[in-house]
Amino acid sequence: MATDPIAAAPANPIAPTRPVRWYTLLAYGSNDVLGAGSMAVISTWILFFYTTFCGLSALQATAIFGIARVLDAFTSPLIGHLSDSLGRSWLGRKFGRRRFFILAAIPLLPSFAIMWVAGQGFWYYLVTYVLFEMVYAMEIIPYETLASEMATDYKTKAKFAGARILLGQLSAIGAAFLPKALIQYLGEGSPDTYLYMGIIFSGLFMGAAGLLYAFSWERQRPPGLDAEEDARAKPTLGAAFKALYRNLFSTLRIRAFRLHLGMYLGGYISQDIYNAAFTYFVIFALAGSAAIVANLVGVTYIVQFVAVILAINFALKLSPAAAYRMAAISFGIGVILFLAMYAAGYTATAMLFWVPVLFAGLGRGALNYIPWATYNYMADVDEIVTGRRREGAFAGVMTFVRKMSQAAAIILVGQVMQASGFVSGAKTQSAGALVGIVGVMGAGTIAMLLFGMFVSTRFRLDPRTHAILLEEIEHLRSGSRTPSDPEHAAVVEDLSGWSYDRLWGNNPVVEAQK
């Protein structure tokens, strides 16, 4: 008979060590000023800034994102792995294995501001962008584990996700309206608009990270686990990296996580393509200006804020997958209306443009919330497969995928524009360039929404199935190796992608972690 690989392992406590208060949710959610705020600024303005004020071609600008992603293939997974392993060190015991990285990142967050200095060369923008991306990963990956560290039940985790996305949407509103205010003060053609924006957001990032560190905590590690891990032989550097990537890629062997990633990519890449192209769409296709872009984007984010509040209720009471499809349809309607109004000859000053803004904002807000709400339960699905808690590995994969997807979207938009004849710094663009801008915004956005909707039809994690999952985890932890009833077995097999007799470490996924 095969030996149970984790039968002798101490059980992880399943209850949080402290009650979750309103200020806990506020402090946790405020950190998405860095997560959503920086991504909103970058996806909306960075390509436009590089091609308008920095003398970079669309090809050079997109090369920066591609190089950064190659480097990120090493840094993001490594940070996730280190945050899982730091608990047995003095630093981890003193500051927290997750929270240590958050504390260390605070003085490095002003790296965001130096990205927005105009008139420099290609290498300056490459180095500054890569630097911020590394600091971002250093802070955001441990952050993404904390909801699972501080809560266990479905509703509390949904509240953490809601607080994060709501406050993230507020920061995204600032990312739209702050440039508008600076443009009005400094003038349409001043590159200092973006530098001042970077300085202000850097200060907000530091304050949010400080609040997060002050009001967060981590689960108490099981007694004896540190000593058990210290007793293991330490691998060579090469062997450690090999084991690290086996561990991270093993997360893709969890069915619910694969489906979650598909929904996440469909919802977020569609928005990244839309964001990257929208500035050019308004300025060149609709004869608008950067101030009009800021206004339209700002109102979109306000609508998104309302949509997140609605999505929290839908996701708690209904299937997250069904709510996701409703959101994708709403966003798609907004995009189609934008394209139809462009085809009809409307300009950016037309009042009718608030109609597609409403549809797009409602859809985008829900698409932002739902994947992050479901993400908080992925470590639970993984636990029934492996018998271990690997929040750091999942956070590393999520951050890596998020930054890869955003870079891919920006690269796609830039490359299509370059191939269509886009001229950096020009006041007007050729008919071919306009076709490229309109085409990539419409076709690219809608294609990714359809992909996400297709994947969502197979995703069945909801409040009922999550409760069953937790019951079966406790059932297996107690020593049982047969399901408590056939319905429970069917649910956990669907979520995990493994037959019941292969759960709780009796599978190759555990071997990937050794």
Protein backbone atom coordinates (compact mmCIF):
# COMPACT_ATOMS: atom_id res chain seq x y z
CA MET A 1 0.00 0.00 0.00
CA ALA A 2 1.34 3.44 -0.93
CA THR A 3 2.31 5.68 1.94
CA ASP A 4 0.21 8.80 2.31
CA PRO A 5 2.77 11.56 1.58
CA ILE A 6 1.21 14.00 4.03
CA ALA A 7 -0.53 11.81 6.57
CA ALA A 8 2.06 12.64 9.18
CA ALA A 9 2.21 16.33 8.40
CA PRO A 10 0.74 18.70 10.97
CA ALA A 11 -2.62 20.13 10.00
CA ASN A 12 -2.80 23.73 9.03
CA PRO A 13 -5.13 25.75 11.22
CA ILE A 14 -8.17 26.84 9.22
CA ALA A 15 -9.32 29.75 11.36
CA PRO A 16 -7.89 33.25 11.06
CA THR A 17 -5.93 34.40 14.09
CA ARG A 18 -7.79 37.73 14.37
CA PRO A 19 -11.27 39.03 13.57
CA VAL A 20 -11.59 40.89 10.28
CA ARG A 21 -12.73 44.46 11.01
CA TRP A 22 -13.81 47.25 8.66
CA TYR A 23 -10.41 48.90 8.95
CA THR A 24 -8.76 45.58 8.03
CA LEU A 25 -10.73 45.55 4.79
CA LEU A 26 -9.93 49.23 4.20
CA ALA A 27 -6.19 48.76 4.72
CA TYR A 28 -6.15 45.62 2.56
CA GLY A 29 -8.16 47.22 -0.23
CA SER A 30 -6.09 50.43 -0.21
CA ASN A 31 -3.09 48.53 -1.54
CA ASP A 32 -4.83 48.12 -4.88
CA VAL A 33 -3.97 51.77 -5.41
CA LEU A 34 -0.68 50.17 -6.45
CA GLY A 35 -2.23 47.14 -8.17
CA ALA A 36 -5.07 48.71 -10.15
CA GLY A 37 -3.84 52.30 -10.04
CA SER A 38 -0.45 51.68 -11.60
CA MET A 39 -1.92 49.30 -14.18
CA ALA A 40 -4.60 51.86 -15.12
CA VAL A 41 -2.00 54.59 -15.57
CA ILE A 42 0.36 52.37 -17.56
CA SER A 43 -2.26 50.78 -19.80
CA THR A 44 -3.94 54.13 -20.59
CA TRP A 45 -0.99 56.51 -20.89
CA ILE A 46 2.45 54.85 -21.16
CA LEU A 47 2.33 53.97 -24.87
CA PHE A 48 0.97 57.43 -25.70
CA PHE A 49 3.66 59.06 -23.49
CA TYR A 50 6.49 57.08 -25.12
CA THR A 51 5.36 57.82 -28.68
CA THR A 52 4.41 61.48 -28.10
CA PHE A 53 6.97 62.93 -25.66
CA CYS A 54 9.91 60.52 -25.66
CA GLY A 55 10.71 60.17 -29.35
CA LEU A 56 10.17 56.41 -29.37
CA SER A 57 8.55 54.62 -32.27
CA ALA A 58 5.68 52.21 -31.57
CA LEU A 59 8.15 49.39 -32.26
CA GLN A 60 10.66 50.66 -29.67
CA ALA A 61 7.95 51.31 -27.10
CA THR A 62 6.53 47.81 -27.38
CA ALA A 63 10.04 46.29 -27.26
CA ILE A 64 10.34 47.68 -23.71
CA PHE A 65 7.33 45.63 -22.59
CA GLY A 66 8.60 42.49 -24.29
CA ILE A 67 12.06 42.69 -22.67
CA ALA A 68 10.50 43.42 -19.28
CA ARG A 69 8.34 40.30 -19.55
CA VAL A 70 11.32 38.06 -20.29
CA LEU A 71 13.00 39.30 -17.11
CA ASP A 72 9.74 38.98 -15.21
CA ALA A 73 9.61 35.29 -16.09
CA PHE A 74 12.32 34.91 -13.45
CA THR A 75 11.51 37.57 -10.86
CA SER A 76 7.77 37.05 -10.26
CA PRO A 77 7.88 33.27 -9.73
CA LEU A 78 11.02 33.65 -7.61
CA ILE A 79 9.33 36.13 -5.28
CA GLY A 80 6.30 33.84 -4.96
CA HIS A 81 8.57 30.94 -4.09
CA LEU A 82 10.57 33.00 -1.59
CA SER A 83 7.43 34.23 0.14
CA ASP A 84 6.33 30.61 0.62
CA SER A 85 9.75 29.68 2.03
CA LEU A 86 10.74 32.72 4.10
CA GLY A 87 8.74 31.61 7.14
CA ARG A 88 11.55 29.41 8.43
CA SER A 89 14.06 32.29 8.45
CA TRP A 90 14.58 34.93 11.13
CA LEU A 91 13.25 37.63 8.81
CA GLY A 92 10.08 35.67 8.17
CA ARG A 93 9.46 34.99 11.84
CA LYS A 94 10.13 38.63 12.73
CA PHE A 95 8.23 40.47 9.96
CA GLY A 96 6.11 37.74 8.34
CA ARG A 97 7.02 35.63 5.33
CA ARG A 98 4.65 37.68 3.12
CA ARG A 99 4.70 41.03 4.91
CA PHE A 100 8.50 41.32 4.93
CA PHE A 101 8.47 41.92 1.16
CA ILE A 102 5.75 44.56 1.49
CA LEU A 103 7.79 46.43 4.10
CA ALA A 104 10.98 46.21 2.03
CA ALA A 105 9.23 47.53 -1.09
CA ILE A 106 7.96 50.77 0.47
CA PRO A 107 11.14 52.89 0.00
CA LEU A 108 11.49 51.58 -3.58
CA LEU A 109 8.02 52.57 -4.82
CA PRO A 110 9.10 56.06 -6.04
CA SER A 111 10.65 54.16 -8.95
CA PHE A 112 7.23 54.70 -10.57
CA ALA A 113 7.84 58.44 -10.85
CA ILE A 114 11.16 58.24 -12.69
CA MET A 115 9.47 56.36 -15.56
CA TRP A 116 7.75 59.60 -16.60
CA VAL A 117 10.74 61.85 -17.31
CA ALA A 118 10.39 63.04 -20.92
CA GLY A 119 13.14 63.46 -23.49
CA GLN A 120 15.36 60.51 -22.50
CA GLY A 121 16.59 57.63 -24.66
CA PHE A 122 15.38 54.08 -25.21
CA TRP A 123 17.70 52.58 -22.57
CA TYR A 124 16.54 55.00 -19.89
CA TYR A 125 12.91 53.99 -20.41
CA LEU A 126 13.76 50.31 -20.54
CA VAL A 127 15.73 50.38 -17.27
CA THR A 128 13.19 52.50 -15.39
CA TYR A 129 10.24 50.41 -16.56
CA VAL A 130 11.96 47.13 -15.62
CA LEU A 131 12.92 48.56 -12.22
CA PHE A 132 9.36 49.49 -11.38
CA GLU A 133 8.06 46.15 -12.61
CA MET A 134 10.42 44.34 -10.23
CA VAL A 135 9.42 46.52 -7.28
CA TYR A 136 5.76 46.00 -8.22
CA ALA A 137 6.20 42.22 -8.18
CA MET A 138 8.07 42.39 -4.88
CA GLU A 139 5.09 44.10 -3.24
CA ILE A 140 2.04 42.79 -5.07
CA ILE A 141 2.79 39.05 -5.06
CA PRO A 142 2.90 38.74 -1.25
CA TYR A 143 -0.12 41.04 -1.08
CA GLU A 144 -2.15 38.64 -3.19
CA THR A 145 -1.65 35.88 -0.61
CA LEU A 146 -2.92 37.86 2.36
CA ALA A 147 -6.67 37.39 1.85
CA SER A 148 -6.16 33.62 2.13
CA GLU A 149 -3.87 34.15 5.11
CA MET A 150 -6.39 36.33 6.99
CA ALA A 151 -9.67 34.57 6.11
CA THR A 152 -11.00 31.12 5.30
CA ASP A 153 -14.75 31.38 4.64
CA TYR A 154 -16.29 32.27 1.27
CA LYS A 155 -18.02 35.50 2.34
CA THR A 156 -15.04 37.02 4.14
CA LYS A 157 -12.77 36.31 1.20
CA ALA A 158 -15.37 37.88 -1.10
CA LYS A 159 -15.34 40.97 1.13
CA PHE A 160 -11.54 41.19 0.84
CA ALA A 161 -11.82 40.94 -2.95
CA GLY A 162 -14.58 43.55 -2.95
CA ALA A 163 -12.58 45.98 -0.82
CA ARG A 164 -9.59 45.52 -3.08
CA ILE A 165 -11.45 46.11 -6.32
CA LEU A 166 -13.56 49.01 -4.99
CA LEU A 167 -10.53 50.93 -3.78
CA GLY A 168 -8.64 49.93 -6.89
CA GLN A 169 -11.41 51.46 -8.97
CA LEU A 170 -11.12 54.70 -6.96
CA SER A 171 -7.42 54.81 -7.79
CA ALA A 172 -8.23 54.15 -11.45
CA ILE A 173 -10.61 57.12 -11.37
CA GLY A 174 -7.71 59.20 -10.10
CA ALA A 175 -5.52 57.80 -12.88
CA ALA A 176 -7.99 59.28 -15.37
CA PHE A 177 -8.99 62.59 -13.81
CA LEU A 178 -5.58 63.55 -12.39
CA PRO A 179 -4.02 63.87 -15.87
CA LYS A 180 -7.05 65.94 -16.93
CA ALA A 181 -6.50 68.39 -14.06
CA LEU A 182 -2.77 68.55 -14.79
CA ILE A 183 -3.41 69.05 -18.51
CA GLN A 184 -5.72 71.96 -17.74
CA TYR A 185 -3.06 73.48 -15.47
CA LEU A 186 0.09 72.78 -17.52
CA GLY A 187 -1.30 72.72 -21.04
CA GLU A 188 -2.09 69.99 -23.57
CA GLY A 189 1.48 69.61 -24.80
CA SER A 190 3.38 69.54 -21.50
CA PRO A 191 5.16 66.26 -20.67
CA ASP A 192 5.39 67.39 -17.02
CA THR A 193 1.75 66.32 -16.70
CA TYR A 194 2.87 62.71 -16.58
CA LEU A 195 5.86 63.31 -14.31
CA TYR A 196 3.71 65.02 -11.68
CA MET A 197 1.18 62.24 -12.00
CA GLY A 198 3.95 59.71 -11.36
CA ILE A 199 5.16 61.60 -8.27
CA ILE A 200 1.66 61.83 -6.79
CA PHE A 201 0.93 58.16 -7.38
CA SER A 202 4.30 57.14 -5.92
CA GLY A 203 3.32 58.86 -2.66
CA LEU A 204 -0.05 57.10 -2.69
CA PHE A 205 1.63 53.73 -3.30
CA MET A 206 3.92 54.19 -0.30
CA GLY A 207 1.07 55.23 2.00
CA ALA A 208 -1.10 52.29 0.93
CA ALA A 209 1.71 49.77 1.42
CA GLY A 210 2.36 51.19 4.89
CA LEU A 211 -1.31 50.77 5.85
CA LEU A 212 -1.32 47.22 4.52
CA TYR A 213 1.70 46.26 6.57
CA ALA A 214 0.29 47.85 9.72
CA PHE A 215 -3.15 46.19 9.60
CA SER A 216 -2.50 42.77 8.05
CA TRP A 217 -1.36 39.46 9.51
CA GLU A 218 -0.55 35.90 8.49
CA ARG A 219 -1.80 32.53 9.64
CA GLN A 220 0.13 30.92 12.44
CA ARG A 221 2.33 28.23 10.95
CA PRO A 222 1.75 24.68 12.23
CA PRO A 223 3.99 23.70 15.19
CA GLY A 224 7.17 21.99 14.09
CA LEU A 225 6.88 22.97 10.43
CA ASP A 226 9.83 25.37 10.54
CA ALA A 227 12.06 22.69 12.04
CA GLU A 228 10.83 20.15 9.50
CA GLU A 229 11.66 22.49 6.60
CA ASP A 230 15.04 23.45 8.04
CA ALA A 231 15.93 19.76 8.26
CA ARG A 232 15.53 19.29 4.52
CA ALA A 233 18.65 19.28 2.40
CA LYS A 234 19.26 22.60 0.69
CA PRO A 235 19.50 22.18 -3.11
CA THR A 236 22.00 23.84 -5.38
CA LEU A 237 20.96 27.10 -7.07
CA GLY A 238 20.22 25.33 -10.35
CA ALA A 239 18.23 22.59 -8.64
CA ALA A 240 16.32 25.20 -6.64
CA PHE A 241 15.23 27.04 -9.80
CA LYS A 242 14.23 23.76 -11.44
CA ALA A 243 12.14 22.80 -8.43
CA LEU A 244 10.70 26.30 -8.30
CA TYR A 245 9.35 26.17 -11.85
CA ARG A 246 8.06 22.62 -11.40
CA ASN A 247 6.19 23.91 -8.37
CA LEU A 248 4.76 26.92 -10.18
CA PHE A 249 3.74 25.08 -13.32
CA SER A 250 2.09 22.47 -11.12
CA THR A 251 -0.56 25.07 -10.26
CA LEU A 252 -1.81 24.62 -13.82
CA ARG A 253 -2.67 21.01 -12.97
CA ILE A 254 -5.53 22.31 -10.84
CA ARG A 255 -8.61 22.43 -13.10
CA ALA A 256 -10.38 25.29 -11.35
CA PHE A 257 -7.21 27.40 -11.57
CA ARG A 258 -6.83 26.74 -15.29
CA LEU A 259 -10.41 27.82 -15.89
CA HIS A 260 -9.96 30.79 -13.58
CA LEU A 261 -6.93 31.89 -15.62
CA GLY A 262 -8.95 31.63 -18.82
CA MET A 263 -11.68 33.89 -17.43
CA TYR A 264 -9.08 36.24 -15.98
CA LEU A 265 -7.24 36.56 -19.28
CA GLY A 266 -10.44 37.04 -21.24
CA GLY A 267 -11.61 39.82 -18.93
CA TYR A 268 -8.30 41.59 -18.42
CA ILE A 269 -6.64 41.31 -21.84
CA SER A 270 -9.84 42.63 -23.43
CA GLN A 271 -9.56 45.68 -21.17
CA ASP A 272 -5.83 46.07 -21.78
CA ILE A 273 -6.32 46.10 -25.55
CA TYR A 274 -9.19 48.55 -25.18
CA ASN A 275 -7.18 50.80 -22.82
CA ALA A 276 -4.07 50.85 -25.00
CA ALA A 277 -6.01 51.66 -28.18
CA PHE A 278 -8.67 53.93 -26.70
CA THR A 279 -6.41 56.98 -26.26
CA TYR A 280 -5.42 56.82 -29.93
CA PHE A 281 -9.02 56.03 -30.96
CA VAL A 282 -10.36 59.18 -29.31
CA ILE A 283 -7.52 61.52 -30.35
CA PHE A 284 -7.09 60.40 -33.96
CA ALA A 285 -10.26 58.56 -35.02
CA LEU A 286 -12.70 60.82 -33.17
CA ALA A 287 -10.76 64.11 -33.46
CA GLY A 288 -10.52 64.44 -29.67
CA SER A 289 -7.77 65.38 -27.21
CA ALA A 290 -5.93 63.97 -24.20
CA ALA A 291 -8.26 65.94 -21.93
CA ILE A 292 -11.30 64.31 -23.55
CA VAL A 293 -9.65 60.90 -23.16
CA ALA A 294 -9.12 61.58 -19.45
CA ASN A 295 -12.74 62.65 -19.07
CA LEU A 296 -14.19 59.61 -20.87
CA VAL A 297 -11.89 57.20 -19.06
CA GLY A 298 -12.63 58.85 -15.71
CA VAL A 299 -16.38 58.50 -16.13
CA THR A 300 -15.87 54.90 -17.24
CA TYR A 301 -14.05 54.18 -13.99
CA ILE A 302 -16.80 55.86 -11.96
CA VAL A 303 -19.33 53.53 -13.60
CA GLN A 304 -16.97 50.63 -12.93
CA PHE A 305 -16.97 51.53 -9.23
CA VAL A 306 -20.76 51.19 -9.15
CA ALA A 307 -20.54 47.96 -11.16
CA VAL A 308 -18.18 46.41 -8.61
CA ILE A 309 -20.72 47.03 -5.84
CA LEU A 310 -23.36 45.26 -7.94
CA ALA A 311 -20.99 42.43 -8.84
CA ILE A 312 -20.17 41.74 -5.18
CA ASN A 313 -23.84 40.97 -4.55
CA PHE A 314 -24.24 38.94 -7.73
CA ALA A 315 -21.11 36.87 -7.07
CA LEU A 316 -22.21 36.11 -3.49
CA LYS A 317 -25.79 35.17 -4.40
CA LEU A 318 -25.41 33.78 -7.92
CA SER A 319 -22.80 31.88 -9.87
CA PRO A 320 -19.63 33.95 -10.47
CA ALA A 321 -19.48 32.42 -13.95
CA ALA A 322 -22.97 33.66 -14.82
CA ALA A 323 -22.16 37.14 -13.50
CA TYR A 324 -18.97 37.08 -15.60
CA ARG A 325 -20.92 36.39 -18.80
CA MET A 326 -23.37 39.20 -18.10
CA ALA A 327 -20.43 41.57 -17.56
CA ALA A 328 -18.67 40.49 -20.76
CA ILE A 329 -21.86 41.08 -22.79
CA SER A 330 -22.24 44.58 -21.33
CA PHE A 331 -18.62 45.51 -22.12
CA GLY A 332 -18.98 44.09 -25.63
CA ILE A 333 -22.10 46.18 -26.26
CA GLY A 334 -20.17 49.31 -25.23
CA VAL A 335 -17.33 48.54 -27.66
CA ILE A 336 -19.73 47.83 -30.53
CA LEU A 337 -21.56 51.11 -29.87
CA PHE A 338 -18.27 53.03 -29.97
CA LEU A 339 -17.42 51.48 -33.33
CA ALA A 340 -20.91 52.11 -34.72
CA MET A 341 -20.78 55.77 -33.71
CA TYR A 342 -17.34 56.15 -35.32
CA ALA A 343 -18.67 54.58 -38.51
CA ALA A 344 -21.58 57.03 -38.43
CA GLY A 345 -19.17 59.98 -38.34
CA TYR A 346 -19.61 61.18 -34.76
CA THR A 347 -16.75 63.03 -33.03
CA ALA A 348 -15.55 62.76 -29.43
CA THR A 349 -17.65 65.77 -28.36
CA ALA A 350 -20.98 64.06 -29.10
CA MET A 351 -23.19 63.57 -26.05
CA LEU A 352 -24.18 60.10 -27.31
CA PHE A 353 -20.71 58.84 -26.35
CA TRP A 354 -21.86 58.57 -22.72
CA VAL A 355 -24.09 55.62 -23.73
CA PRO A 356 -21.24 53.25 -24.69
CA VAL A 357 -19.27 54.55 -21.70
CA LEU A 358 -22.10 53.35 -19.44
CA PHE A 359 -22.26 49.87 -20.98
CA ALA A 360 -18.46 49.50 -21.06
CA GLY A 361 -18.05 50.69 -17.47
CA LEU A 362 -20.69 48.36 -16.08
CA GLY A 363 -19.11 45.38 -17.79
CA ARG A 364 -15.51 46.28 -16.98
CA GLY A 365 -16.19 46.81 -13.29
CA ALA A 366 -17.66 43.34 -12.87
CA LEU A 367 -14.92 41.78 -15.00
CA ASN A 368 -12.35 43.36 -12.69
CA TYR A 369 -13.98 41.99 -9.54
CA ILE A 370 -15.10 38.47 -10.42
CA PRO A 371 -11.71 36.89 -11.32
CA TRP A 372 -10.05 38.29 -8.18
CA ALA A 373 -12.96 37.14 -6.03
CA THR A 374 -12.66 33.58 -7.37
CA TYR A 375 -8.86 33.68 -7.13
CA ASN A 376 -9.07 33.81 -3.33
CA TYR A 377 -10.46 30.25 -3.35
CA MET A 378 -7.82 28.68 -5.61
CA ALA A 379 -5.50 27.78 -2.72
CA ASP A 380 -8.42 25.85 -1.16
CA VAL A 381 -8.87 23.79 -4.33
CA ASP A 382 -5.12 23.22 -4.43
CA GLU A 383 -5.10 22.14 -0.78
CA ILE A 384 -7.50 19.26 -1.41
CA VAL A 385 -5.17 18.08 -4.19
CA THR A 386 -1.82 18.55 -2.43
CA GLY A 387 -2.71 18.79 1.27
CA ARG A 388 -0.62 21.97 1.46
CA ARG A 389 -1.11 25.73 1.36
CA ARG A 390 0.67 27.33 -1.62
CA GLU A 391 -0.73 30.85 -1.77
CA GLY A 392 2.66 32.26 -2.75
CA ALA A 393 2.99 29.99 -5.78
CA PHE A 394 -0.47 30.97 -7.03
CA ALA A 395 0.21 34.66 -6.38
CA GLY A 396 3.47 34.41 -8.36
CA VAL A 397 1.68 32.84 -11.31
CA MET A 398 -1.16 35.39 -11.16
CA THR A 399 1.16 38.39 -11.10
CA PHE A 400 3.31 36.95 -13.87
CA VAL A 401 0.24 36.22 -16.02
CA ARG A 402 -1.22 39.67 -15.30
CA LYS A 403 1.90 41.51 -16.38
CA MET A 404 2.42 39.20 -19.36
CA SER A 405 -1.15 39.78 -20.49
CA GLN A 406 -0.91 43.54 -20.16
CA ALA A 407 2.39 43.62 -22.04
CA ALA A 408 1.00 41.34 -24.76
CA ALA A 409 -1.99 43.66 -25.21
CA ILE A 410 0.18 46.78 -25.43
CA ILE A 411 2.59 45.04 -27.81
CA LEU A 412 -0.32 43.90 -29.99
CA VAL A 413 -1.73 47.42 -30.21
CA GLY A 414 1.68 48.97 -30.88
CA GLN A 415 2.62 46.44 -33.53
CA VAL A 416 -0.71 46.78 -35.37
CA MET A 417 -0.35 50.56 -35.32
CA GLN A 418 3.24 50.36 -36.59
CA ALA A 419 2.24 48.00 -39.40
CA SER A 420 -0.67 50.27 -40.31
CA GLY A 421 1.57 53.29 -40.84
CA PHE A 422 1.24 55.09 -37.50
CA VAL A 423 3.69 58.04 -37.18
CA SER A 424 4.91 58.90 -33.67
CA GLY A 425 4.42 62.54 -32.68
CA ALA A 426 2.18 63.39 -35.65
CA LYS A 427 -0.94 65.50 -35.11
CA THR A 428 -2.97 63.46 -37.61
CA GLN A 429 -2.66 59.91 -38.92
CA SER A 430 -3.24 58.26 -42.29
CA ALA A 431 -6.39 56.37 -43.18
CA GLY A 432 -4.48 53.10 -42.88
CA ALA A 433 -3.31 53.95 -39.37
CA LEU A 434 -6.89 54.78 -38.36
CA VAL A 435 -8.10 51.42 -39.69
CA GLY A 436 -5.43 49.72 -37.58
CA ILE A 437 -6.39 51.60 -34.41
CA VAL A 438 -10.13 51.02 -34.82
CA GLY A 439 -9.67 47.41 -35.89
CA VAL A 440 -7.43 46.34 -33.02
CA MET A 441 -9.65 48.02 -30.43
CA GLY A 442 -12.80 46.40 -31.80
CA ALA A 443 -11.71 42.96 -32.95
CA GLY A 444 -9.09 42.42 -30.24
CA THR A 445 -11.38 43.39 -27.37
CA ILE A 446 -14.39 41.40 -28.54
CA ALA A 447 -12.35 38.28 -29.38
CA MET A 448 -10.95 38.12 -25.83
CA LEU A 449 -14.40 38.67 -24.30
CA LEU A 450 -15.79 35.74 -26.31
CA PHE A 451 -12.89 33.57 -25.16
CA GLY A 452 -13.53 34.39 -21.50
CA MET A 453 -17.26 33.70 -21.86
CA PHE A 454 -16.57 30.30 -23.41
CA VAL A 455 -14.26 29.31 -20.54
CA SER A 456 -16.78 30.53 -17.92
CA THR A 457 -19.33 27.92 -19.06
CA ARG A 458 -17.06 25.26 -17.52
CA PHE A 459 -16.27 27.05 -14.23
CA ARG A 460 -18.45 25.77 -11.36
CA LEU A 461 -16.96 27.24 -8.19
CA ASP A 462 -19.64 29.10 -6.22
CA PRO A 463 -20.70 29.46 -2.56
CA ARG A 464 -22.32 26.00 -2.48
CA THR A 465 -19.44 24.10 -4.09
CA HIS A 466 -16.87 26.00 -2.03
CA ALA A 467 -18.64 24.96 1.20
CA ILE A 468 -18.55 21.34 0.00
CA LEU A 469 -14.86 21.72 -0.82
CA LEU A 470 -14.04 22.91 2.72
CA GLU A 471 -16.05 20.04 4.22
CA GLU A 472 -14.12 17.51 2.17
CA ILE A 473 -10.78 19.09 3.13
CA GLU A 474 -11.66 18.58 6.79
CA HIS A 475 -12.91 15.08 5.99
CA LEU A 476 -9.56 14.20 4.42
CA ARG A 477 -7.58 15.96 7.15
CA SER A 478 -9.29 13.76 9.74
CA GLY A 479 -7.76 10.68 8.09
CA SER A 480 -10.56 9.51 5.80
CA ARG A 481 -9.68 8.62 2.22
CA THR A 482 -13.15 7.96 0.82
CA PRO A 483 -15.74 10.68 0.03
CA SER A 484 -18.36 11.59 2.58
CA ASP A 485 -21.02 11.16 -0.13
CA PRO A 486 -21.14 10.81 -3.94
CA GLU A 487 -22.25 14.41 -4.56
CA HIS A 488 -19.28 15.77 -2.61
CA ALA A 489 -16.96 13.52 -4.58
CA ALA A 490 -18.36 14.79 -7.89
CA VAL A 491 -17.97 18.44 -6.81
CA VAL A 492 -14.34 18.20 -5.68
CA GLU A 493 -13.40 16.09 -8.70
CA ASP A 494 -14.86 18.73 -11.01
CA LEU A 495 -13.06 21.57 -9.19
CA SER A 496 -9.73 19.81 -8.83
CA GLY A 497 -9.60 17.83 -12.07
CA TRP A 498 -8.46 14.73 -10.14
CA SER A 499 -10.35 11.59 -9.13
CA TYR A 500 -11.10 11.40 -5.41
CA ASP A 501 -8.63 8.58 -4.76
CA ARG A 502 -5.82 10.78 -6.14
CA LEU A 503 -6.50 13.71 -3.79
CA TRP A 504 -4.70 14.78 -0.61
CA GLY A 505 -1.20 14.29 -1.98
CA ASN A 506 -1.75 10.97 -3.74
CA ASN A 507 -0.77 12.43 -7.11
CA PRO A 508 2.23 13.79 -9.08
CA VAL A 509 1.41 17.39 -8.12
CA VAL A 510 2.98 16.81 -4.72
CA GLU A 511 6.12 15.45 -6.37
CA ALA A 512 6.45 18.76 -8.26
CA GLN A 513 6.92 20.55 -4.96
CA LYS A 514 9.73 18.38 -3.63
